[in-house]
Amino acid sequence: MTQATVTQQYSGVYCRACGEPISLPSRAERALAAHEAEASDPTAEIRPVVFNLRCKACEKENFYGAKDVVNIHGTPRAARPRPRSTGSLLRPDLKLARAANA
């Protein structure tokens, strides 16, 4: 008996700063699908699809086009949780002195 290995794939781009894969959000995938449908229609005006993505590894943003999208093997990287600011940083508890009556 042979066991078939199932590899997960997702659409994404490679970060231009660090080279790590970035998964495409669903709105970018929908824009690419609409662009491909328009490209098959010869009478439609073809506009380039460009979207801005942030790398989850190095936190840098860059613009990517339809030609940069590739199928990447594996699972998408989870977002790195950002540290939350504490309430004391947002509203410091300062004891202000009262002004003296003159």
PDB file of N, CA and C in Angstrom:
ATOM      1  N   MET A   1       0.823  -1.182   0.000  1.00  0.00           N
ATOM      2  CA  MET A   1       0.000   0.000   0.000  1.00  0.00           C
ATOM      3  C   MET A   1       0.873   1.253   0.000  1.00  0.00           C
ATOM      4  N   THR A   2       0.544   2.164  -0.847  1.00  0.00           N
ATOM      5  CA  THR A   2       1.283   3.427  -0.867  1.00  0.00           C
ATOM      6  C   THR A   2       0.403   4.519  -0.289  1.00  0.00           C
ATOM      7  N   GLN A   3       1.055   5.404   0.382  1.00  0.00           N
ATOM      8  CA  GLN A   3       0.324   6.505   1.009  1.00  0.00           C
ATOM      9  C   GLN A   3       0.645   7.786   0.252  1.00  0.00           C
ATOM     10  N   ALA A   4      -0.382   8.472  -0.222  1.00  0.00           N
ATOM     11  CA  ALA A   4      -0.189   9.712  -0.968  1.00  0.00           C
ATOM     12  C   ALA A   4       0.025  10.856   0.016  1.00  0.00           C
ATOM     13  N   THR A   5       1.041  11.652  -0.249  1.00  0.00           N
ATOM     14  CA  THR A   5       1.284  12.817   0.602  1.00  0.00           C
ATOM     15  C   THR A   5       0.567  14.009   0.019  1.00  0.00           C
ATOM     16  N   VAL A   6      -0.139  14.693   0.863  1.00  0.00           N
ATOM     17  CA  VAL A   6      -0.894  15.857   0.433  1.00  0.00           C
ATOM     18  C   VAL A   6      -0.119  17.096   0.866  1.00  0.00           C
ATOM     19  N   THR A   7       0.255  17.911  -0.105  1.00  0.00           N
ATOM     20  CA  THR A   7       0.956  19.148   0.220  1.00  0.00           C
ATOM     21  C   THR A   7       0.008  20.310   0.009  1.00  0.00           C
ATOM     22  N   GLN A   8       0.039  21.204   0.942  1.00  0.00           N
ATOM     23  CA  GLN A   8      -0.834  22.371   0.842  1.00  0.00           C
ATOM     24  C   GLN A   8      -0.140  23.439   0.016  1.00  0.00           C
ATOM     25  N   GLN A   9      -0.909  24.106  -0.823  1.00  0.00           N
ATOM     26  CA  GLN A   9      -0.405  25.199  -1.647  1.00  0.00           C
ATOM     27  C   GLN A   9      -1.282  26.422  -1.444  1.00  0.00           C
ATOM     28  N   TYR A  10      -0.669  27.579  -1.618  1.00  0.00           N
ATOM     29  CA  TYR A  10      -1.433  28.821  -1.561  1.00  0.00           C
ATOM     30  C   TYR A  10      -0.792  29.815  -2.527  1.00  0.00           C
ATOM     31  N   SER A  11      -1.581  30.781  -2.949  1.00  0.00           N
ATOM     32  CA  SER A  11      -1.072  31.822  -3.838  1.00  0.00           C
ATOM     33  C   SER A  11      -0.381  32.874  -2.994  1.00  0.00           C
ATOM     34  N   GLY A  12       0.753  33.331  -3.464  1.00  0.00           N
ATOM     35  CA  GLY A  12       1.480  34.339  -2.711  1.00  0.00           C
ATOM     36  C   GLY A  12       2.594  34.945  -3.539  1.00  0.00           C
ATOM     37  N   VAL A  13       3.349  35.796  -2.891  1.00  0.00           N
ATOM     38  CA  VAL A  13       4.506  36.447  -3.495  1.00  0.00           C
ATOM     39  C   VAL A  13       5.674  36.298  -2.530  1.00  0.00           C
ATOM     40  N   TYR A  14       6.871  36.520  -3.035  1.00  0.00           N
ATOM     41  CA  TYR A  14       8.049  36.503  -2.179  1.00  0.00           C
ATOM     42  C   TYR A  14       8.432  37.945  -1.842  1.00  0.00           C
ATOM     43  N   CYS A  15       8.708  38.190  -0.583  1.00  0.00           N
ATOM     44  CA  CYS A  15       9.055  39.530  -0.106  1.00  0.00           C
ATOM     45  C   CYS A  15      10.304  40.021  -0.827  1.00  0.00           C
ATOM     46  N   ARG A  16      10.276  41.255  -1.252  1.00  0.00           N
ATOM     47  CA  ARG A  16      11.428  41.825  -1.950  1.00  0.00           C
ATOM     48  C   ARG A  16      12.547  42.208  -0.993  1.00  0.00           C
ATOM     49  N   ALA A  17      12.234  42.349   0.287  1.00  0.00           N
ATOM     50  CA  ALA A  17      13.251  42.735   1.268  1.00  0.00           C
ATOM     51  C   ALA A  17      13.973  41.517   1.847  1.00  0.00           C
ATOM     52  N   CYS A  18      13.195  40.499   2.283  1.00  0.00           N
ATOM     53  CA  CYS A  18      13.831  39.367   2.968  1.00  0.00           C
ATOM     54  C   CYS A  18      13.669  38.039   2.239  1.00  0.00           C
ATOM     55  N   GLY A  19      12.790  37.964   1.238  1.00  0.00           N
ATOM     56  CA  GLY A  19      12.623  36.744   0.462  1.00  0.00           C
ATOM     57  C   GLY A  19      11.646  35.746   1.045  1.00  0.00           C
ATOM     58  N   GLU A  20      11.002  36.055   2.158  1.00  0.00           N
ATOM     59  CA  GLU A  20      10.031  35.150   2.761  1.00  0.00           C
ATOM     60  C   GLU A  20       8.717  35.205   1.980  1.00  0.00           C
ATOM     61  N   PRO A  21       7.970  34.085   1.933  1.00  0.00           N
ATOM     62  CA  PRO A  21       6.690  34.097   1.221  1.00  0.00           C
ATOM     63  C   PRO A  21       5.625  34.877   1.978  1.00  0.00           C
ATOM     64  N   ILE A  22       4.782  35.584   1.218  1.00  0.00           N
ATOM     65  CA  ILE A  22       3.656  36.346   1.750  1.00  0.00           C
ATOM     66  C   ILE A  22       2.407  35.808   1.080  1.00  0.00           C
ATOM     67  N   SER A  23       1.412  35.405   1.877  1.00  0.00           N
ATOM     68  CA  SER A  23       0.174  34.892   1.289  1.00  0.00           C
ATOM     69  C   SER A  23      -0.681  36.058   0.802  1.00  0.00           C
ATOM     70  N   LEU A  24      -1.425  35.801  -0.269  1.00  0.00           N
ATOM     71  CA  LEU A  24      -2.297  36.838  -0.822  1.00  0.00           C
ATOM     72  C   LEU A  24      -3.594  36.898  -0.023  1.00  0.00           C
ATOM     73  N   PRO A  25      -4.060  38.091   0.315  1.00  0.00           N
ATOM     74  CA  PRO A  25      -5.376  38.194   0.944  1.00  0.00           C
ATOM     75  C   PRO A  25      -6.463  37.889  -0.084  1.00  0.00           C
ATOM     76  N   SER A  26      -7.663  37.589   0.394  1.00  0.00           N
ATOM     77  CA  SER A  26      -8.747  37.187  -0.505  1.00  0.00           C
ATOM     78  C   SER A  26      -9.118  38.298  -1.479  1.00  0.00           C
ATOM     79  N   ARG A  27      -9.018  39.566  -1.064  1.00  0.00           N
ATOM     80  CA  ARG A  27      -9.369  40.659  -1.988  1.00  0.00           C
ATOM     81  C   ARG A  27      -8.382  40.735  -3.144  1.00  0.00           C
ATOM     82  N   ALA A  28      -7.113  40.412  -2.910  1.00  0.00           N
ATOM     83  CA  ALA A  28      -6.124  40.411  -3.990  1.00  0.00           C
ATOM     84  C   ALA A  28      -6.378  39.245  -4.937  1.00  0.00           C
ATOM     85  N   GLU A  29      -6.771  38.087  -4.395  1.00  0.00           N
ATOM     86  CA  GLU A  29      -7.095  36.945  -5.251  1.00  0.00           C
ATOM     87  C   GLU A  29      -8.307  37.239  -6.124  1.00  0.00           C
ATOM     88  N   ARG A  30      -9.316  37.920  -5.545  1.00  0.00           N
ATOM     89  CA  ARG A  30     -10.499  38.292  -6.336  1.00  0.00           C
ATOM     90  C   ARG A  30     -10.118  39.280  -7.437  1.00  0.00           C
ATOM     91  N   ALA A  31      -9.236  40.233  -7.142  1.00  0.00           N
ATOM     92  CA  ALA A  31      -8.805  41.206  -8.150  1.00  0.00           C
ATOM     93  C   ALA A  31      -8.046  40.514  -9.276  1.00  0.00           C
ATOM     94  N   LEU A  32      -7.227  39.520  -8.938  1.00  0.00           N
ATOM     95  CA  LEU A  32      -6.501  38.779  -9.968  1.00  0.00           C
ATOM     96  C   LEU A  32      -7.450  37.959 -10.834  1.00  0.00           C
ATOM     97  N   ALA A  33      -8.462  37.354 -10.214  1.00  0.00           N
ATOM     98  CA  ALA A  33      -9.436  36.571 -10.987  1.00  0.00           C
ATOM     99  C   ALA A  33     -10.217  37.471 -11.931  1.00  0.00           C
ATOM    100  N   ALA A  34     -10.600  38.653 -11.462  1.00  0.00           N
ATOM    101  CA  ALA A  34     -11.313  39.603 -12.317  1.00  0.00           C
ATOM    102  C   ALA A  34     -10.414  40.084 -13.446  1.00  0.00           C
ATOM    103  N   HIS A  35      -9.147  40.282 -13.155  1.00  0.00           N
ATOM    104  CA  HIS A  35      -8.195  40.734 -14.175  1.00  0.00           C
ATOM    105  C   HIS A  35      -8.021  39.673 -15.257  1.00  0.00           C
ATOM    106  N   GLU A  36      -7.942  38.409 -14.854  1.00  0.00           N
ATOM    107  CA  GLU A  36      -7.793  37.332 -15.833  1.00  0.00           C
ATOM    108  C   GLU A  36      -9.050  37.202 -16.698  1.00  0.00           C
ATOM    109  N   ALA A  37     -10.224  37.436 -16.108  1.00  0.00           N
ATOM    110  CA  ALA A  37     -11.464  37.384 -16.884  1.00  0.00           C
ATOM    111  C   ALA A  37     -11.516  38.533 -17.894  1.00  0.00           C
ATOM    112  N   GLU A  38     -11.048  39.714 -17.494  1.00  0.00           N
ATOM    113  CA  GLU A  38     -11.016  40.853 -18.417  1.00  0.00           C
ATOM    114  C   GLU A  38      -9.982  40.653 -19.518  1.00  0.00           C
ATOM    115  N   ALA A  39      -8.890  39.969 -19.190  1.00  0.00           N
ATOM    116  CA  ALA A  39      -7.837  39.755 -20.179  1.00  0.00           C
ATOM    117  C   ALA A  39      -8.313  38.841 -21.310  1.00  0.00           C
ATOM    118  N   SER A  40      -9.274  37.949 -21.015  1.00  0.00           N
ATOM    119  CA  SER A  40      -9.782  37.062 -22.066  1.00  0.00           C
ATOM    120  C   SER A  40     -10.728  37.792 -23.015  1.00  0.00           C
ATOM    121  N   ASP A  41     -11.273  38.929 -22.579  1.00  0.00           N
ATOM    122  CA  ASP A  41     -12.170  39.722 -23.420  1.00  0.00           C
ATOM    123  C   ASP A  41     -11.323  40.714 -24.230  1.00  0.00           C
ATOM    124  N   PRO A  42     -11.269  40.579 -25.553  1.00  0.00           N
ATOM    125  CA  PRO A  42     -10.389  41.443 -26.354  1.00  0.00           C
ATOM    126  C   PRO A  42     -10.843  42.903 -26.421  1.00  0.00           C
ATOM    127  N   THR A  43     -12.118  43.185 -26.156  1.00  0.00           N
ATOM    128  CA  THR A  43     -12.597  44.554 -26.282  1.00  0.00           C
ATOM    129  C   THR A  43     -12.403  45.364 -24.996  1.00  0.00           C
ATOM    130  N   ALA A  44     -12.118  44.710 -23.904  1.00  0.00           N
ATOM    131  CA  ALA A  44     -11.974  45.407 -22.624  1.00  0.00           C
ATOM    132  C   ALA A  44     -10.600  46.060 -22.512  1.00  0.00           C
ATOM    133  N   GLU A  45     -10.581  47.191 -21.841  1.00  0.00           N
ATOM    134  CA  GLU A  45      -9.312  47.876 -21.598  1.00  0.00           C
ATOM    135  C   GLU A  45      -8.603  47.162 -20.441  1.00  0.00           C
ATOM    136  N   ILE A  46      -7.360  46.788 -20.662  1.00  0.00           N
ATOM    137  CA  ILE A  46      -6.625  46.029 -19.651  1.00  0.00           C
ATOM    138  C   ILE A  46      -5.850  47.003 -18.769  1.00  0.00           C
ATOM    139  N   ARG A  47      -6.175  46.972 -17.472  1.00  0.00           N
ATOM    140  CA  ARG A  47      -5.452  47.782 -16.495  1.00  0.00           C
ATOM    141  C   ARG A  47      -4.619  46.859 -15.618  1.00  0.00           C
ATOM    142  N   PRO A  48      -3.423  47.254 -15.254  1.00  0.00           N
ATOM    143  CA  PRO A  48      -2.587  46.375 -14.429  1.00  0.00           C
ATOM    144  C   PRO A  48      -3.144  46.253 -13.008  1.00  0.00           C
ATOM    145  N   VAL A  49      -2.959  45.084 -12.414  1.00  0.00           N
ATOM    146  CA  VAL A  49      -3.381  44.837 -11.037  1.00  0.00           C
ATOM    147  C   VAL A  49      -2.148  44.976 -10.147  1.00  0.00           C
ATOM    148  N   VAL A  50      -2.211  45.930  -9.236  1.00  0.00           N
ATOM    149  CA  VAL A  50      -1.109  46.161  -8.306  1.00  0.00           C
ATOM    150  C   VAL A  50      -1.693  46.263  -6.906  1.00  0.00           C
ATOM    151  N   PHE A  51      -1.055  45.606  -5.960  1.00  0.00           N
ATOM    152  CA  PHE A  51      -1.523  45.668  -4.580  1.00  0.00           C
ATOM    153  C   PHE A  51      -0.337  45.798  -3.640  1.00  0.00           C
ATOM    154  N   ASN A  52      -0.599  46.348  -2.479  1.00  0.00           N
ATOM    155  CA  ASN A  52       0.411  46.611  -1.472  1.00  0.00           C
ATOM    156  C   ASN A  52       0.300  45.548  -0.383  1.00  0.00           C
ATOM    157  N   LEU A  53       1.408  44.844  -0.102  1.00  0.00           N
ATOM    158  CA  LEU A  53       1.397  43.800   0.919  1.00  0.00           C
ATOM    159  C   LEU A  53       2.496  44.053   1.938  1.00  0.00           C
ATOM    160  N   ARG A  54       2.233  43.653   3.190  1.00  0.00           N
ATOM    161  CA  ARG A  54       3.225  43.759   4.259  1.00  0.00           C
ATOM    162  C   ARG A  54       3.726  42.358   4.590  1.00  0.00           C
ATOM    163  N   CYS A  55       5.036  42.213   4.655  1.00  0.00           N
ATOM    164  CA  CYS A  55       5.658  40.940   5.010  1.00  0.00           C
ATOM    165  C   CYS A  55       5.458  40.682   6.499  1.00  0.00           C
ATOM    166  N   LYS A  56       5.077  39.471   6.846  1.00  0.00           N
ATOM    167  CA  LYS A  56       4.870  39.130   8.243  1.00  0.00           C
ATOM    168  C   LYS A  56       6.173  38.805   8.951  1.00  0.00           C
ATOM    169  N   ALA A  57       7.244  38.585   8.195  1.00  0.00           N
ATOM    170  CA  ALA A  57       8.532  38.265   8.802  1.00  0.00           C
ATOM    171  C   ALA A  57       9.335  39.524   9.132  1.00  0.00           C
ATOM    172  N   CYS A  58       9.444  40.441   8.158  1.00  0.00           N
ATOM    173  CA  CYS A  58      10.287  41.631   8.373  1.00  0.00           C
ATOM    174  C   CYS A  58       9.478  42.915   8.547  1.00  0.00           C
ATOM    175  N   GLU A  59       8.132  42.833   8.414  1.00  0.00           N
ATOM    176  CA  GLU A  59       7.225  43.976   8.608  1.00  0.00           C
ATOM    177  C   GLU A  59       7.420  45.108   7.593  1.00  0.00           C
ATOM    178  N   LYS A  60       8.005  44.814   6.433  1.00  0.00           N
ATOM    179  CA  LYS A  60       8.178  45.839   5.399  1.00  0.00           C
ATOM    180  C   LYS A  60       7.082  45.692   4.356  1.00  0.00           C
ATOM    181  N   GLU A  61       6.653  46.832   3.795  1.00  0.00           N
ATOM    182  CA  GLU A  61       5.612  46.847   2.766  1.00  0.00           C
ATOM    183  C   GLU A  61       6.235  47.091   1.402  1.00  0.00           C
ATOM    184  N   ASN A  62       5.568  46.558   0.367  1.00  0.00           N
ATOM    185  CA  ASN A  62       6.015  46.791  -0.991  1.00  0.00           C
ATOM    186  C   ASN A  62       4.841  46.560  -1.932  1.00  0.00           C
ATOM    187  N   PHE A  63       4.964  47.041  -3.150  1.00  0.00           N
ATOM    188  CA  PHE A  63       3.943  46.862  -4.171  1.00  0.00           C
ATOM    189  C   PHE A  63       4.277  45.626  -4.998  1.00  0.00           C
ATOM    190  N   TYR A  64       3.251  44.825  -5.286  1.00  0.00           N
ATOM    191  CA  TYR A  64       3.411  43.609  -6.070  1.00  0.00           C
ATOM    192  C   TYR A  64       2.348  43.600  -7.155  1.00  0.00           C
ATOM    193  N   GLY A  65       2.693  43.004  -8.301  1.00  0.00           N
ATOM    194  CA  GLY A  65       1.771  42.931  -9.420  1.00  0.00           C
ATOM    195  C   GLY A  65       1.365  41.501  -9.709  1.00  0.00           C
ATOM    196  N   ALA A  66       0.551  41.330 -10.735  1.00  0.00           N
ATOM    197  CA  ALA A  66       0.043  40.008 -11.095  1.00  0.00           C
ATOM    198  C   ALA A  66       1.181  39.081 -11.520  1.00  0.00           C
ATOM    199  N   LYS A  67       2.228  39.622 -12.096  1.00  0.00           N
ATOM    200  CA  LYS A  67       3.335  38.779 -12.552  1.00  0.00           C
ATOM    201  C   LYS A  67       4.182  38.252 -11.396  1.00  0.00           C
ATOM    202  N   ASP A  68       4.034  38.816 -10.196  1.00  0.00           N
ATOM    203  CA  ASP A  68       4.806  38.381  -9.041  1.00  0.00           C
ATOM    204  C   ASP A  68       4.153  37.218  -8.295  1.00  0.00           C
ATOM    205  N   VAL A  69       2.887  36.909  -8.599  1.00  0.00           N
ATOM    206  CA  VAL A  69       2.141  35.886  -7.869  1.00  0.00           C
ATOM    207  C   VAL A  69       2.589  34.501  -8.325  1.00  0.00           C
ATOM    208  N   VAL A  70       2.898  33.639  -7.345  1.00  0.00           N
ATOM    209  CA  VAL A  70       3.310  32.262  -7.607  1.00  0.00           C
ATOM    210  C   VAL A  70       2.565  31.337  -6.645  1.00  0.00           C
ATOM    211  N   ASN A  71       2.548  30.035  -6.958  1.00  0.00           N
ATOM    212  CA  ASN A  71       2.011  29.038  -6.033  1.00  0.00           C
ATOM    213  C   ASN A  71       3.127  28.618  -5.099  1.00  0.00           C
ATOM    214  N   ILE A  72       2.880  28.705  -3.798  1.00  0.00           N
ATOM    215  CA  ILE A  72       3.888  28.406  -2.793  1.00  0.00           C
ATOM    216  C   ILE A  72       3.440  27.159  -2.040  1.00  0.00           C
ATOM    217  N   HIS A  73       4.356  26.199  -1.853  1.00  0.00           N
ATOM    218  CA  HIS A  73       4.062  24.964  -1.133  1.00  0.00           C
ATOM    219  C   HIS A  73       4.211  25.197   0.363  1.00  0.00           C
ATOM    220  N   GLY A  74       3.298  24.610   1.132  1.00  0.00           N
ATOM    221  CA  GLY A  74       3.350  24.734   2.587  1.00  0.00           C
ATOM    222  C   GLY A  74       2.149  25.496   3.104  1.00  0.00           C
ATOM    223  N   THR A  75       2.258  25.947   4.352  1.00  0.00           N
ATOM    224  CA  THR A  75       1.175  26.712   4.970  1.00  0.00           C
ATOM    225  C   THR A  75       1.617  28.155   5.121  1.00  0.00           C
ATOM    226  N   PRO A  76       0.684  29.092   5.026  1.00  0.00           N
ATOM    227  CA  PRO A  76       1.051  30.503   5.180  1.00  0.00           C
ATOM    228  C   PRO A  76       1.549  30.795   6.584  1.00  0.00           C
ATOM    229  N   ARG A  77       2.446  31.762   6.674  1.00  0.00           N
ATOM    230  CA  ARG A  77       2.993  32.180   7.956  1.00  0.00           C
ATOM    231  C   ARG A  77       1.928  32.925   8.747  1.00  0.00           C
ATOM    232  N   ALA A  78       1.865  32.629  10.027  1.00  0.00           N
ATOM    233  CA  ALA A  78       0.915  33.329  10.904  1.00  0.00           C
ATOM    234  C   ALA A  78       1.469  34.705  11.227  1.00  0.00           C
ATOM    235  N   ALA A  79       0.576  35.652  11.426  1.00  0.00           N
ATOM    236  CA  ALA A  79       0.991  37.017  11.751  1.00  0.00           C
ATOM    237  C   ALA A  79       1.658  37.044  13.120  1.00  0.00           C
ATOM    238  N   ARG A  80       2.707  37.815  13.224  1.00  0.00           N
ATOM    239  CA  ARG A  80       3.397  37.968  14.504  1.00  0.00           C
ATOM    240  C   ARG A  80       2.598  38.939  15.349  1.00  0.00           C
ATOM    241  N   PRO A  81       2.199  38.524  16.560  1.00  0.00           N
ATOM    242  CA  PRO A  81       1.401  39.443  17.381  1.00  0.00           C
ATOM    243  C   PRO A  81       2.216  40.649  17.801  1.00  0.00           C
ATOM    244  N   ARG A  82       1.598  41.792  17.671  1.00  0.00           N
ATOM    245  CA  ARG A  82       2.270  43.026  18.065  1.00  0.00           C
ATOM    246  C   ARG A  82       2.064  43.263  19.550  1.00  0.00           C
ATOM    247  N   PRO A  83       3.053  43.811  20.212  1.00  0.00           N
ATOM    248  CA  PRO A  83       2.871  44.075  21.640  1.00  0.00           C
ATOM    249  C   PRO A  83       1.827  45.162  21.846  1.00  0.00           C
ATOM    250  N   ARG A  84       0.952  44.946  22.832  1.00  0.00           N
ATOM    251  CA  ARG A  84      -0.086  45.928  23.115  1.00  0.00           C
ATOM    252  C   ARG A  84       0.458  46.979  24.058  1.00  0.00           C
ATOM    253  N   SER A  85       0.019  48.187  23.849  1.00  0.00           N
ATOM    254  CA  SER A  85       0.433  49.240  24.759  1.00  0.00           C
ATOM    255  C   SER A  85      -0.412  49.160  26.022  1.00  0.00           C
ATOM    256  N   THR A  86       0.185  49.489  27.123  1.00  0.00           N
ATOM    257  CA  THR A  86      -0.535  49.417  28.390  1.00  0.00           C
ATOM    258  C   THR A  86      -1.299  50.710  28.603  1.00  0.00           C
ATOM    259  N   GLY A  87      -2.263  50.650  29.484  1.00  0.00           N
ATOM    260  CA  GLY A  87      -3.081  51.822  29.766  1.00  0.00           C
ATOM    261  C   GLY A  87      -2.268  52.958  30.360  1.00  0.00           C
ATOM    262  N   SER A  88      -1.203  52.634  31.087  1.00  0.00           N
ATOM    263  CA  SER A  88      -0.402  53.694  31.695  1.00  0.00           C
ATOM    264  C   SER A  88       0.362  54.497  30.647  1.00  0.00           C
ATOM    265  N   LEU A  89       0.629  53.879  29.501  1.00  0.00           N
ATOM    266  CA  LEU A  89       1.316  54.616  28.442  1.00  0.00           C
ATOM    267  C   LEU A  89       0.351  55.548  27.716  1.00  0.00           C
ATOM    268  N   LEU A  90      -0.902  55.155  27.640  1.00  0.00           N
ATOM    269  CA  LEU A  90      -1.870  55.978  26.924  1.00  0.00           C
ATOM    270  C   LEU A  90      -2.316  57.178  27.756  1.00  0.00           C
ATOM    271  N   ARG A  91      -2.527  56.977  29.045  1.00  0.00           N
ATOM    272  CA  ARG A  91      -2.981  58.044  29.936  1.00  0.00           C
ATOM    273  C   ARG A  91      -2.200  57.976  31.224  1.00  0.00           C
ATOM    274  N   PRO A  92      -1.107  58.649  31.282  1.00  0.00           N
ATOM    275  CA  PRO A  92      -0.315  58.538  32.504  1.00  0.00           C
ATOM    276  C   PRO A  92      -1.050  59.166  33.692  1.00  0.00           C
ATOM    277  N   ASP A  93      -0.921  58.528  34.835  1.00  0.00           N
ATOM    278  CA  ASP A  93      -1.512  59.046  36.066  1.00  0.00           C
ATOM    279  C   ASP A  93      -0.525  60.017  36.694  1.00  0.00           C
ATOM    280  N   LEU A  94      -0.675  61.264  36.374  1.00  0.00           N
ATOM    281  CA  LEU A  94       0.213  62.286  36.928  1.00  0.00           C
ATOM    282  C   LEU A  94      -0.547  63.077  37.992  1.00  0.00           C
ATOM    283  N   LYS A  95       0.091  63.273  39.094  1.00  0.00           N
ATOM    284  CA  LYS A  95      -0.489  64.102  40.146  1.00  0.00           C
ATOM    285  C   LYS A  95      -0.016  65.531  39.902  1.00  0.00           C
ATOM    286  N   LEU A  96      -0.900  66.335  39.364  1.00  0.00           N
ATOM    287  CA  LEU A  96      -0.529  67.711  39.051  1.00  0.00           C
ATOM    288  C   LEU A  96      -0.750  68.575  40.298  1.00  0.00           C
ATOM    289  N   ALA A  97       0.204  69.449  40.528  1.00  0.00           N
ATOM    290  CA  ALA A  97       0.089  70.362  41.671  1.00  0.00           C
ATOM    291  C   ALA A  97      -0.907  71.450  41.350  1.00  0.00           C
ATOM    292  N   ARG A  98      -1.639  71.910  42.355  1.00  0.00           N
ATOM    293  CA  ARG A  98      -2.593  72.998  42.123  1.00  0.00           C
ATOM    294  C   ARG A  98      -1.859  74.325  42.106  1.00  0.00           C
ATOM    295  N   ALA A  99      -2.365  75.196  41.276  1.00  0.00           N
ATOM    296  CA  ALA A  99      -1.726  76.514  41.187  1.00  0.00           C
ATOM    297  C   ALA A  99      -2.062  77.302  42.470  1.00  0.00           C
ATOM    298  N   ALA A 100      -1.068  78.037  42.955  1.00  0.00           N
ATOM    299  CA  ALA A 100      -1.265  78.828  44.188  1.00  0.00           C
ATOM    300  C   ALA A 100      -2.052  80.072  43.867  1.00  0.00           C
ATOM    301  N   ASN A 101      -2.877  80.485  44.788  1.00  0.00           N
ATOM    302  CA  ASN A 101      -3.634  81.737  44.612  1.00  0.00           C
ATOM    303  C   ASN A 101      -2.691  82.913  44.814  1.00  0.00           C
ATOM    304  N   ALA A 102      -2.765  83.906  43.962  1.00  0.00           N
ATOM    305  CA  ALA A 102      -1.852  85.009  44.073  1.00  0.00           C
ATOM    306  C   ALA A 102      -2.361  86.140  44.875  1.00  0.00           C
TER     307      ALA A 102
END
